[in-house]
Amino acid sequence: MRNAEPGGVLSGEVEVGTTYLVEVPHVLEGDQRLTFGALRGATFPLTVTGLEESAAEGVRSVLSPTTAVTLTAEQCLELGLPEGEYEIIGNLRTADGTPIVLPRVQTLTVPVEWLVPFTDERSHGHWDATGSLW
């Protein structure tokens, strides 16, 4: 368990297994711009799975047409691939080309100070990225 950093939004402790609302700031610093640039100003739920110094690791559910299929040894042999493990990554679509969107789990590490207690109410000035890959 960790307390939010001074000035953080949480008044209690962050607990593993609890779902919080992440509020990504509108202004990001350093490496945060690369990792969270597309989520700038967003909110989304995150279930905390681990804690480090001032960061929380967690999982969130996102929707995406992208999927991955791991080939079996027999499929690799039939395709004439050298021995090894192979994965095909692509978009799942119907016969007419309509994307099929499926839920998948995304793992993220965020600063503890971005976590707020989870409620259905969103903070003003933030956009809702629940389920959104970006």
Foldseek 3Di string as FASTA:
>chain_A
DADADVVFADPDGDDAQAKWKFAAAQDDDDCCCVVCVVQHQAIEIWHFHDDDDQKTKTKAKAKDQKDKDKDDQVRCVVVVHPDDTDMDIDGDADPVRHTDIDIDMDMDMDGNSRTDHDDPDDDPRGHYCHRHPD
